C-alpha atoms as a PDB file:
ATOM      1  CA  UNK A   1      84.278 -95.441-104.780  1.00  0.00           C
ATOM      2  CA  UNK A   2      82.385 -97.759-107.110  1.00  0.00           C
ATOM      3  CA  UNK A   3      85.813 -98.759-108.713  1.00  0.00           C
ATOM      4  CA  UNK A   4      87.311 -99.610-105.333  1.00  0.00           C
ATOM      5  CA  UNK A   5      84.265-101.692-104.530  1.00  0.00           C
ATOM      6  CA  UNK A   6      84.645-103.653-107.806  1.00  0.00           C
ATOM      7  CA  UNK A   7      88.375-104.219-107.054  1.00  0.00           C
ATOM      8  CA  UNK A   8      87.468-105.721-103.710  1.00  0.00           C
ATOM      9  CA  UNK A   9      84.778-107.984-105.386  1.00  0.00           C
ATOM     10  CA  UNK A  10      87.465-109.185-107.855  1.00  0.00           C
ATOM     11  CA  UNK A  11      89.406-110.624-104.803  1.00  0.00           C
ATOM     12  CA  UNK A  12      86.397-112.412-103.410  1.00  0.00           C
ATOM     13  CA  UNK A  13      84.391-113.801-106.409  1.00  0.00           C
ATOM     14  CA  UNK A  14      85.227-116.026-109.299  1.00  0.00           C
ATOM     15  CA  UNK A  15      86.517-114.015-112.349  1.00  0.00           C
ATOM     16  CA  UNK A  16      83.610-115.111-114.562  1.00  0.00           C
ATOM     17  CA  UNK A  17      81.201-113.547-112.096  1.00  0.00           C
ATOM     18  CA  UNK A  18      82.995-110.281-112.133  1.00  0.00           C
ATOM     19  CA  UNK A  19      83.221-110.156-115.910  1.00  0.00           C
ATOM     20  CA  UNK A  20      79.592-111.028-116.796  1.00  0.00           C
ATOM     21  CA  UNK A  21      77.440-110.229-113.731  1.00  0.00           C
ATOM     22  CA  UNK A  22      76.593-107.180-111.697  1.00  0.00           C
ATOM     23  CA  UNK A  23      75.997-107.310-107.856  1.00  0.00           C
ATOM     24  CA  UNK A  24      72.440-106.107-107.386  1.00  0.00           C
ATOM     25  CA  UNK A  25      72.202-106.606-103.687  1.00  0.00           C
ATOM     26  CA  UNK A  26      73.411-108.524-100.679  1.00  0.00           C
ATOM     27  CA  UNK A  27      72.126-109.894 -97.415  1.00  0.00           C
ATOM     28  CA  UNK A  28      74.167-110.713 -94.293  1.00  0.00           C
ATOM     29  CA  UNK A  29      72.739-113.357 -91.922  1.00  0.00           C
ATOM     30  CA  UNK A  30      74.218-114.926 -88.786  1.00  0.00           C
ATOM     31  CA  UNK A  31      76.364-117.379 -90.552  1.00  0.00           C
ATOM     32  CA  UNK A  32      75.733-116.630 -94.289  1.00  0.00           C
ATOM     33  CA  UNK A  33      76.375-113.972 -96.832  1.00  0.00           C
ATOM     34  CA  UNK A  34      73.941-113.929 -99.732  1.00  0.00           C
ATOM     35  CA  UNK A  35      75.166-112.167-102.950  1.00  0.00           C
ATOM     36  CA  UNK A  36      72.553-111.436-105.605  1.00  0.00           C
ATOM     37  CA  UNK A  37      73.940-111.275-109.089  1.00  0.00           C
ATOM     38  CA  UNK A  38      72.303-110.493-112.461  1.00  0.00           C
ATOM     39  CA  UNK A  39      73.868-111.202-115.832  1.00  0.00           C
ATOM     40  CA  UNK A  40      74.736-108.054-117.745  1.00  0.00           C
ATOM     41  CA  UNK A  41      73.193-107.412-121.105  1.00  0.00           C
ATOM     42  CA  UNK A  42      76.136-108.248-123.448  1.00  0.00           C
ATOM     43  CA  UNK A  43      75.511-110.608-126.299  1.00  0.00           C
ATOM     44  CA  UNK A  44      77.268-113.969-126.307  1.00  0.00           C
ATOM     45  CA  UNK A  45      80.151-113.937-128.676  1.00  0.00           C
ATOM     46  CA  UNK A  46      78.949-117.133-130.487  1.00  0.00           C
ATOM     47  CA  UNK A  47      75.805-115.217-131.578  1.00  0.00           C
ATOM     48  CA  UNK A  48      77.157-111.838-132.497  1.00  0.00           C
ATOM     49  CA  UNK A  49      76.409-112.559-136.210  1.00  0.00           C
ATOM     50  CA  UNK A  50      72.777-113.154-135.328  1.00  0.00           C
ATOM     51  CA  UNK A  51      69.991-110.611-134.520  1.00  0.00           C
ATOM     52  CA  UNK A  52      69.104-111.139-130.904  1.00  0.00           C
ATOM     53  CA  UNK A  53      66.684-109.391-128.662  1.00  0.00           C
ATOM     54  CA  UNK A  54      66.499-109.624-124.796  1.00  0.00           C
ATOM     55  CA  UNK A  55      63.796-111.982-123.610  1.00  0.00           C
ATOM     56  CA  UNK A  56      64.190-111.582-119.749  1.00  0.00           C
ATOM     57  CA  UNK A  57      65.864-113.979-117.343  1.00  0.00           C
ATOM     58  CA  UNK A  58      65.855-117.541-116.273  1.00  0.00           C
ATOM     59  CA  UNK A  59      64.802-118.429-112.705  1.00  0.00           C
ATOM     60  CA  UNK A  60      67.429-117.605-110.063  1.00  0.00           C
ATOM     61  CA  UNK A  61      69.836-120.424-109.043  1.00  0.00           C
ATOM     62  CA  UNK A  62      71.820-120.491-105.931  1.00  0.00           C
ATOM     63  CA  UNK A  63      75.375-121.847-105.753  1.00  0.00           C
ATOM     64  CA  UNK A  64      77.673-122.043-102.711  1.00  0.00           C
ATOM     65  CA  UNK A  65      81.110-120.390-102.994  1.00  0.00           C
ATOM     66  CA  UNK A  66      84.193-120.208-100.823  1.00  0.00           C
ATOM     67  CA  UNK A  67      83.450-119.133 -97.221  1.00  0.00           C
ATOM     68  CA  UNK A  68      84.557-115.567 -96.291  1.00  0.00           C
ATOM     69  CA  UNK A  69      85.575-114.735 -92.748  1.00  0.00           C
ATOM     70  CA  UNK A  70      83.597-117.481 -91.166  1.00  0.00           C
ATOM     71  CA  UNK A  71      80.439-116.826 -93.336  1.00  0.00           C
ATOM     72  CA  UNK A  72      78.992-119.325 -95.782  1.00  0.00           C
ATOM     73  CA  UNK A  73      78.743-117.602 -99.189  1.00  0.00           C
ATOM     74  CA  UNK A  74      75.767-118.106-101.410  1.00  0.00           C
ATOM     75  CA  UNK A  75      75.584-116.680-104.945  1.00  0.00           C
ATOM     76  CA  UNK A  76      72.092-116.060-106.137  1.00  0.00           C
ATOM     77  CA  UNK A  77      72.487-115.955-109.903  1.00  0.00           C
ATOM     78  CA  UNK A  78      69.961-114.725-112.483  1.00  0.00           C
ATOM     79  CA  UNK A  79      71.012-115.535-116.070  1.00  0.00           C
ATOM     80  CA  UNK A  80      69.817-113.629-119.027  1.00  0.00           C
ATOM     81  CA  UNK A  81      68.262-115.178-122.249  1.00  0.00           C
ATOM     82  CA  UNK A  82      67.854-113.725-125.775  1.00  0.00           C
ATOM     83  CA  UNK A  83      65.620-114.641-128.677  1.00  0.00           C
ATOM     84  CA  UNK A  84      67.579-115.440-131.854  1.00  0.00           C
ATOM     85  CA  UNK A  85      65.321-113.646-134.380  1.00  0.00           C
ATOM     86  CA  UNK A  86      67.112-115.538-137.274  1.00  0.00           C
ATOM     87  CA  UNK A  87      66.046-118.960-135.829  1.00  0.00           C
ATOM     88  CA  UNK A  88      63.301-118.073-133.491  1.00  0.00           C
ATOM     89  CA  UNK A  89      65.107-119.910-130.705  1.00  0.00           C
ATOM     90  CA  UNK A  90      66.001-118.844-127.203  1.00  0.00           C
ATOM     91  CA  UNK A  91      69.749-118.644-126.729  1.00  0.00           C
ATOM     92  CA  UNK A  92      71.860-118.133-123.632  1.00  0.00           C
ATOM     93  CA  UNK A  93      75.492-118.477-122.474  1.00  0.00           C
ATOM     94  CA  UNK A  94      76.820-121.898-121.414  1.00  0.00           C
ATOM     95  CA  UNK A  95      78.334-120.882-118.110  1.00  0.00           C
ATOM     96  CA  UNK A  96      79.435-124.217-116.580  1.00  0.00           C
ATOM     97  CA  UNK A  97      79.202-122.365-113.247  1.00  0.00           C
ATOM     98  CA  UNK A  98      78.119-125.443-111.238  1.00  0.00           C
ATOM     99  CA  UNK A  99      80.460-128.250-110.849  1.00  0.00           C
ATOM    100  CA  UNK A 100      79.066-131.570-111.995  1.00  0.00           C
ATOM    101  CA  UNK A 101      76.953-133.266-109.398  1.00  0.00           C
ATOM    102  CA  UNK A 102      77.204-130.355-106.868  1.00  0.00           C
ATOM    103  CA  UNK A 103      75.580-127.038-106.024  1.00  0.00           C
ATOM    104  CA  UNK A 104      78.898-125.222-105.600  1.00  0.00           C
ATOM    105  CA  UNK A 105      81.014-123.341-108.145  1.00  0.00           C
ATOM    106  CA  UNK A 106      83.630-125.289-110.010  1.00  0.00           C
ATOM    107  CA  UNK A 107      86.460-123.463-108.301  1.00  0.00           C
ATOM    108  CA  UNK A 108      84.965-124.338-104.944  1.00  0.00           C
ATOM    109  CA  UNK A 109      84.581-127.932-105.868  1.00  0.00           C
ATOM    110  CA  UNK A 110      88.188-128.133-107.160  1.00  0.00           C
ATOM    111  CA  UNK A 111      89.299-126.664-103.839  1.00  0.00           C
ATOM    112  CA  UNK A 112      87.393-129.241-101.860  1.00  0.00           C
ATOM    113  CA  UNK A 113      88.772-132.014-103.922  1.00  0.00           C
ATOM    114  CA  UNK A 114      92.372-130.639-103.334  1.00  0.00           C
ATOM    115  CA  UNK A 115      91.944-130.381 -99.633  1.00  0.00           C
ATOM    116  CA  UNK A 116      90.541-133.915 -99.363  1.00  0.00           C
ATOM    117  CA  UNK A 117      93.650-135.329-100.883  1.00  0.00           C
ATOM    118  CA  UNK A 118      95.649-134.450 -97.664  1.00  0.00           C
END
């Protein structure tokens, strides 16, 4: 059943979300669907040669994604951070999830730009 659920999520969410985050919960309101996502504990490729230790999470951010069946969709994203024990610096993935100057995903921003052309 979990595999079927993941296949449905792949149709609804950006690929980067499916590959690097797990859905921890959701909340349906009158006009909005809130999806709560937490970054999985897989080390960033650029730091595989370093010794990293998990150091918790950044504060949650919220971005708006494509509407689904008349519901506004909000992704509540919690990103992970690690301590690079070789340099004593905090490291994290550079997601570029939020389009420049907006609070929506890059895919959704591209979609809005495209429909405004017509």
